[in-house]
C-alpha cells in the first residue's frame, strides 16, 4: 500500500485545488479525509471521490492541514499536506 508524498500545496482565493491520496493496494484500501483533525463531509466547496479531494472556490478559511487516512485490512497509513491560501 502506498500514499501520496506532497507536503505543501499553495492555493489562491477562488482557485480549485485537487489533493490526490494516490493510495493503491489489493484489496483496494478505504480512505477518509480530514482537515485539522476533523473528518470532512461533502458540501458545495468540498468534493470527495474516494482518493481525490477537490476544494472548489477556495477561501482563506480553507487553509489548514488536510489528511487522508488509508485503511487496508488492519493497516492504517496517514498522509498530511498543508494547504496555504493567498
Foldseek 3Di string as FASTA:
>chain_A
DAFDDAAEAEEEQQDKDKDFRPDDDVVGWFKFKDFPRHTDDDDPQWDDDTRMIIGGRDDQVRWGKMKMWIDDDHDIDMDIYTYGYD
